[in-house]
Amino acid sequence: MNHLKVQALLYYLAATGEVFTRNHLATLLWSETGASEALHSLRSSLYRLRQGLRSAGAEATLLSEGESLSLNPDSFLCDLGEFRRLLDQADELALAKAVTTGYK
């Protein structure tokens, strides 16, 4: 099992903040394999990711509903997500915070 793919899956879900289908994620991360093998690799990676989240006491972070996967936005902080949130505010103070290294 490629642990880099588990990390890539987590980073992708966190950075985008979106809901994706299992097929989309499998194709994205295992495009070099067939569909069946890609979905198997995704299941294995999700198992490893869930183990890691469980050991960190963050098992509620990964949301899985049918064929959809995402991260619970209330259970983690991603600097890219915070950057986007500040840009969406579109006021001078928020924009100033967005371009500094700290978001405090």
N, C-alpha and C. Protein backbone atom coordinates (compact mmCIF):
# COMPACT_ATOMS: atom_id res chain seq x y z
N MET A 1 0.85 -1.18 0.00
CA MET A 1 0.00 0.00 0.00
C MET A 1 0.89 1.23 0.00
N ASN A 2 0.56 2.16 -0.85
CA ASN A 2 1.33 3.39 -0.96
C ASN A 2 0.78 4.42 0.03
N HIS A 3 1.55 4.69 1.08
CA HIS A 3 1.11 5.64 2.10
C HIS A 3 1.03 7.06 1.54
N LEU A 4 1.77 7.34 0.47
CA LEU A 4 1.69 8.66 -0.15
C LEU A 4 0.30 8.90 -0.74
N LYS A 5 -0.33 7.84 -1.21
CA LYS A 5 -1.68 7.99 -1.77
C LYS A 5 -2.68 8.29 -0.65
N VAL A 6 -2.49 7.72 0.52
CA VAL A 6 -3.36 8.02 1.65
C VAL A 6 -3.21 9.49 2.01
N GLN A 7 -1.99 9.98 2.06
CA GLN A 7 -1.74 11.39 2.33
C GLN A 7 -2.35 12.26 1.24
N ALA A 8 -2.16 11.87 -0.01
CA ALA A 8 -2.71 12.65 -1.13
C ALA A 8 -4.23 12.73 -1.04
N LEU A 9 -4.87 11.62 -0.67
CA LEU A 9 -6.32 11.60 -0.51
C LEU A 9 -6.75 12.59 0.57
N LEU A 10 -6.09 12.55 1.71
CA LEU A 10 -6.42 13.46 2.80
C LEU A 10 -6.17 14.91 2.40
N TYR A 11 -5.04 15.20 1.79
CA TYR A 11 -4.72 16.56 1.38
C TYR A 11 -5.74 17.07 0.37
N TYR A 12 -6.11 16.24 -0.59
CA TYR A 12 -7.04 16.64 -1.63
C TYR A 12 -8.41 16.98 -1.03
N LEU A 13 -8.89 16.12 -0.15
CA LEU A 13 -10.18 16.37 0.50
C LEU A 13 -10.14 17.64 1.35
N ALA A 14 -9.03 17.85 2.07
CA ALA A 14 -8.91 19.02 2.94
C ALA A 14 -8.76 20.30 2.13
N ALA A 15 -7.94 20.28 1.10
CA ALA A 15 -7.66 21.49 0.33
C ALA A 15 -8.86 21.95 -0.48
N THR A 16 -9.63 21.01 -1.00
CA THR A 16 -10.78 21.40 -1.82
C THR A 16 -12.01 21.70 -0.98
N GLY A 17 -12.17 20.98 0.12
CA GLY A 17 -13.35 21.15 0.95
C GLY A 17 -14.63 20.72 0.27
N GLU A 18 -14.52 19.89 -0.75
CA GLU A 18 -15.69 19.47 -1.53
C GLU A 18 -16.05 18.02 -1.27
N VAL A 19 -17.21 17.64 -1.76
CA VAL A 19 -17.68 16.26 -1.71
C VAL A 19 -17.36 15.62 -3.06
N PHE A 20 -16.77 14.42 -3.02
CA PHE A 20 -16.40 13.71 -4.24
C PHE A 20 -16.97 12.30 -4.23
N THR A 21 -17.20 11.78 -5.41
CA THR A 21 -17.61 10.38 -5.50
C THR A 21 -16.39 9.49 -5.37
N ARG A 22 -16.64 8.28 -4.97
CA ARG A 22 -15.55 7.31 -4.87
C ARG A 22 -14.90 7.09 -6.24
N ASN A 23 -15.71 7.06 -7.28
CA ASN A 23 -15.15 6.87 -8.63
C ASN A 23 -14.22 8.00 -9.02
N HIS A 24 -14.60 9.22 -8.69
CA HIS A 24 -13.74 10.37 -9.00
C HIS A 24 -12.39 10.24 -8.30
N LEU A 25 -12.43 9.94 -7.00
CA LEU A 25 -11.18 9.84 -6.23
C LEU A 25 -10.32 8.67 -6.70
N ALA A 26 -10.97 7.54 -7.00
CA ALA A 26 -10.22 6.38 -7.47
C ALA A 26 -9.54 6.69 -8.81
N THR A 27 -10.27 7.34 -9.69
CA THR A 27 -9.70 7.69 -11.00
C THR A 27 -8.59 8.71 -10.87
N LEU A 28 -8.79 9.67 -9.99
CA LEU A 28 -7.78 10.71 -9.78
C LEU A 28 -6.47 10.13 -9.26
N LEU A 29 -6.56 9.27 -8.25
CA LEU A 29 -5.35 8.79 -7.58
C LEU A 29 -4.77 7.51 -8.18
N TRP A 30 -5.57 6.73 -8.89
CA TRP A 30 -5.10 5.47 -9.45
C TRP A 30 -5.46 5.36 -10.92
N SER A 31 -5.23 6.42 -11.66
CA SER A 31 -5.59 6.45 -13.08
C SER A 31 -4.80 5.43 -13.91
N GLU A 32 -3.69 4.98 -13.38
CA GLU A 32 -2.84 4.04 -14.12
C GLU A 32 -3.35 2.60 -14.03
N THR A 33 -4.40 2.38 -13.24
CA THR A 33 -4.94 1.03 -13.08
C THR A 33 -6.37 0.97 -13.62
N GLY A 34 -6.90 -0.22 -13.68
CA GLY A 34 -8.28 -0.40 -14.10
C GLY A 34 -9.23 0.08 -13.01
N ALA A 35 -10.50 0.25 -13.37
CA ALA A 35 -11.50 0.80 -12.45
C ALA A 35 -11.65 -0.07 -11.20
N SER A 36 -11.71 -1.37 -11.36
CA SER A 36 -11.90 -2.27 -10.23
C SER A 36 -10.72 -2.20 -9.27
N GLU A 37 -9.52 -2.21 -9.81
CA GLU A 37 -8.32 -2.13 -8.97
C GLU A 37 -8.21 -0.76 -8.30
N ALA A 38 -8.59 0.31 -9.02
CA ALA A 38 -8.55 1.65 -8.46
C ALA A 38 -9.51 1.77 -7.27
N LEU A 39 -10.71 1.22 -7.42
CA LEU A 39 -11.68 1.27 -6.32
C LEU A 39 -11.20 0.43 -5.12
N HIS A 40 -10.55 -0.68 -5.40
CA HIS A 40 -9.98 -1.49 -4.32
C HIS A 40 -8.88 -0.71 -3.59
N SER A 41 -8.04 -0.03 -4.34
CA SER A 41 -6.97 0.77 -3.74
C SER A 41 -7.56 1.91 -2.91
N LEU A 42 -8.64 2.51 -3.39
CA LEU A 42 -9.29 3.57 -2.63
C LEU A 42 -9.85 3.02 -1.32
N ARG A 43 -10.51 1.87 -1.37
CA ARG A 43 -11.04 1.25 -0.15
C ARG A 43 -9.92 0.99 0.85
N SER A 44 -8.80 0.47 0.37
CA SER A 44 -7.66 0.21 1.25
C SER A 44 -7.12 1.50 1.85
N SER A 45 -7.04 2.54 1.04
CA SER A 45 -6.55 3.82 1.54
C SER A 45 -7.51 4.44 2.54
N LEU A 46 -8.80 4.29 2.29
CA LEU A 46 -9.79 4.80 3.24
C LEU A 46 -9.69 4.06 4.56
N TYR A 47 -9.44 2.77 4.50
CA TYR A 47 -9.27 1.99 5.73
C TYR A 47 -8.09 2.54 6.53
N ARG A 48 -6.97 2.77 5.86
CA ARG A 48 -5.77 3.30 6.53
C ARG A 48 -6.02 4.70 7.08
N LEU A 49 -6.72 5.52 6.29
CA LEU A 49 -7.03 6.87 6.72
C LEU A 49 -7.93 6.85 7.96
N ARG A 50 -8.94 6.00 7.94
CA ARG A 50 -9.83 5.88 9.11
C ARG A 50 -9.06 5.42 10.34
N GLN A 51 -8.13 4.48 10.16
CA GLN A 51 -7.30 4.02 11.28
C GLN A 51 -6.52 5.19 11.88
N GLY A 52 -5.90 5.97 11.02
CA GLY A 52 -5.11 7.11 11.48
C GLY A 52 -5.98 8.15 12.18
N LEU A 53 -7.13 8.44 11.62
CA LEU A 53 -8.03 9.40 12.23
C LEU A 53 -8.54 8.90 13.57
N ARG A 54 -8.86 7.60 13.64
CA ARG A 54 -9.34 7.01 14.88
C ARG A 54 -8.27 7.11 15.98
N SER A 55 -7.03 6.80 15.62
CA SER A 55 -5.96 6.84 16.62
C SER A 55 -5.70 8.26 17.10
N ALA A 56 -6.06 9.25 16.29
CA ALA A 56 -5.90 10.65 16.68
C ALA A 56 -7.15 11.21 17.34
N GLY A 57 -8.17 10.36 17.52
CA GLY A 57 -9.42 10.82 18.12
C GLY A 57 -10.22 11.72 17.20
N ALA A 58 -10.01 11.56 15.89
CA ALA A 58 -10.68 12.42 14.91
C ALA A 58 -11.50 11.62 13.91
N GLU A 59 -12.09 10.52 14.37
CA GLU A 59 -12.81 9.65 13.45
C GLU A 59 -14.01 10.31 12.79
N ALA A 60 -14.54 11.39 13.38
CA ALA A 60 -15.69 12.09 12.79
C ALA A 60 -15.28 13.02 11.65
N THR A 61 -13.99 13.10 11.36
CA THR A 61 -13.51 14.00 10.31
C THR A 61 -13.89 13.51 8.92
N LEU A 62 -13.77 12.23 8.66
CA LEU A 62 -14.08 11.68 7.35
C LEU A 62 -15.57 11.38 7.27
N LEU A 63 -16.23 11.98 6.27
CA LEU A 63 -17.65 11.75 6.06
C LEU A 63 -17.84 10.86 4.84
N SER A 64 -18.61 9.82 5.02
CA SER A 64 -18.88 8.88 3.94
C SER A 64 -20.38 8.62 3.90
N GLU A 65 -20.99 8.98 2.78
CA GLU A 65 -22.42 8.77 2.61
C GLU A 65 -22.64 8.14 1.24
N GLY A 66 -22.91 6.85 1.24
CA GLY A 66 -23.07 6.15 -0.03
C GLY A 66 -21.78 6.20 -0.82
N GLU A 67 -21.87 6.77 -2.00
CA GLU A 67 -20.71 6.87 -2.88
C GLU A 67 -19.93 8.17 -2.69
N SER A 68 -20.38 9.03 -1.77
CA SER A 68 -19.77 10.34 -1.56
C SER A 68 -18.81 10.34 -0.38
N LEU A 69 -17.71 11.05 -0.56
CA LEU A 69 -16.70 11.20 0.50
C LEU A 69 -16.34 12.68 0.63
N SER A 70 -16.12 13.09 1.87
CA SER A 70 -15.67 14.45 2.14
C SER A 70 -15.12 14.49 3.55
N LEU A 71 -14.65 15.66 3.94
CA LEU A 71 -14.21 15.88 5.31
C LEU A 71 -15.18 16.83 5.97
N ASN A 72 -15.44 16.61 7.24
CA ASN A 72 -16.30 17.48 8.02
C ASN A 72 -15.56 18.80 8.23
N PRO A 73 -16.03 19.89 7.64
CA PRO A 73 -15.29 21.15 7.74
C PRO A 73 -15.18 21.70 9.16
N ASP A 74 -16.04 21.24 10.05
CA ASP A 74 -16.00 21.70 11.44
C ASP A 74 -15.00 20.92 12.29
N SER A 75 -14.38 19.89 11.72
CA SER A 75 -13.51 19.04 12.52
C SER A 75 -12.02 19.20 12.22
N PHE A 76 -11.67 20.12 11.35
CA PHE A 76 -10.26 20.34 11.05
C PHE A 76 -10.07 21.76 10.54
N LEU A 77 -8.83 22.21 10.56
CA LEU A 77 -8.49 23.52 10.03
C LEU A 77 -7.43 23.34 8.96
N CYS A 78 -7.71 23.88 7.80
CA CYS A 78 -6.77 23.82 6.68
C CYS A 78 -6.42 25.26 6.31
N ASP A 79 -5.15 25.57 6.22
CA ASP A 79 -4.76 26.94 5.92
C ASP A 79 -5.32 27.42 4.59
N LEU A 80 -5.44 26.54 3.61
CA LEU A 80 -6.02 26.92 2.32
C LEU A 80 -7.50 27.25 2.48
N GLY A 81 -8.20 26.48 3.28
CA GLY A 81 -9.60 26.76 3.55
C GLY A 81 -9.78 28.08 4.25
N GLU A 82 -8.92 28.35 5.21
CA GLU A 82 -8.97 29.63 5.93
C GLU A 82 -8.66 30.78 4.98
N PHE A 83 -7.70 30.60 4.10
CA PHE A 83 -7.36 31.61 3.10
C PHE A 83 -8.58 31.92 2.23
N ARG A 84 -9.24 30.88 1.74
CA ARG A 84 -10.43 31.07 0.91
C ARG A 84 -11.55 31.76 1.69
N ARG A 85 -11.74 31.37 2.95
CA ARG A 85 -12.78 31.98 3.77
C ARG A 85 -12.52 33.49 3.92
N LEU A 86 -11.27 33.85 4.16
CA LEU A 86 -10.93 35.26 4.29
C LEU A 86 -11.13 36.01 2.98
N LEU A 87 -10.77 35.40 1.86
CA LEU A 87 -10.98 36.06 0.57
C LEU A 87 -12.47 36.28 0.30
N ASP A 88 -13.29 35.32 0.69
CA ASP A 88 -14.73 35.44 0.47
C ASP A 88 -15.35 36.59 1.26
N GLN A 89 -14.71 36.99 2.36
CA GLN A 89 -15.24 38.10 3.15
C GLN A 89 -15.09 39.42 2.40
N ALA A 90 -14.08 39.51 1.57
CA ALA A 90 -13.85 40.66 0.68
C ALA A 90 -13.84 42.02 1.38
N ASP A 91 -13.45 42.04 2.64
CA ASP A 91 -13.24 43.35 3.27
C ASP A 91 -11.74 43.55 3.48
N GLU A 92 -11.35 44.77 3.73
CA GLU A 92 -9.93 45.10 3.79
C GLU A 92 -9.18 44.34 4.87
N LEU A 93 -9.77 44.21 6.05
CA LEU A 93 -9.12 43.51 7.15
C LEU A 93 -8.94 42.03 6.82
N ALA A 94 -9.98 41.40 6.28
CA ALA A 94 -9.90 39.99 5.92
C ALA A 94 -8.87 39.76 4.82
N LEU A 95 -8.84 40.64 3.83
CA LEU A 95 -7.85 40.50 2.76
C LEU A 95 -6.44 40.68 3.28
N ALA A 96 -6.25 41.59 4.23
CA ALA A 96 -4.93 41.77 4.84
C ALA A 96 -4.51 40.52 5.59
N LYS A 97 -5.45 39.91 6.30
CA LYS A 97 -5.15 38.66 7.02
C LYS A 97 -4.83 37.53 6.06
N ALA A 98 -5.51 37.50 4.92
CA ALA A 98 -5.31 36.43 3.96
C ALA A 98 -3.90 36.42 3.39
N VAL A 99 -3.30 37.59 3.28
CA VAL A 99 -1.96 37.64 2.67
C VAL A 99 -0.83 37.63 3.68
N THR A 100 -1.15 37.52 4.98
CA THR A 100 -0.12 37.37 5.99
C THR A 100 0.09 35.89 6.27
N THR A 101 1.17 35.55 6.92
CA THR A 101 1.45 34.14 7.19
C THR A 101 0.59 33.59 8.31
N GLY A 102 0.13 34.42 9.21
CA GLY A 102 -0.72 33.96 10.31
C GLY A 102 -2.14 34.46 10.10
N TYR A 103 -3.09 33.63 10.46
CA TYR A 103 -4.50 33.99 10.25
C TYR A 103 -5.15 34.47 11.52
N LYS A 104 -4.39 34.81 12.52
CA LYS A 104 -4.96 35.22 13.81
C LYS A 104 -5.34 36.66 13.81
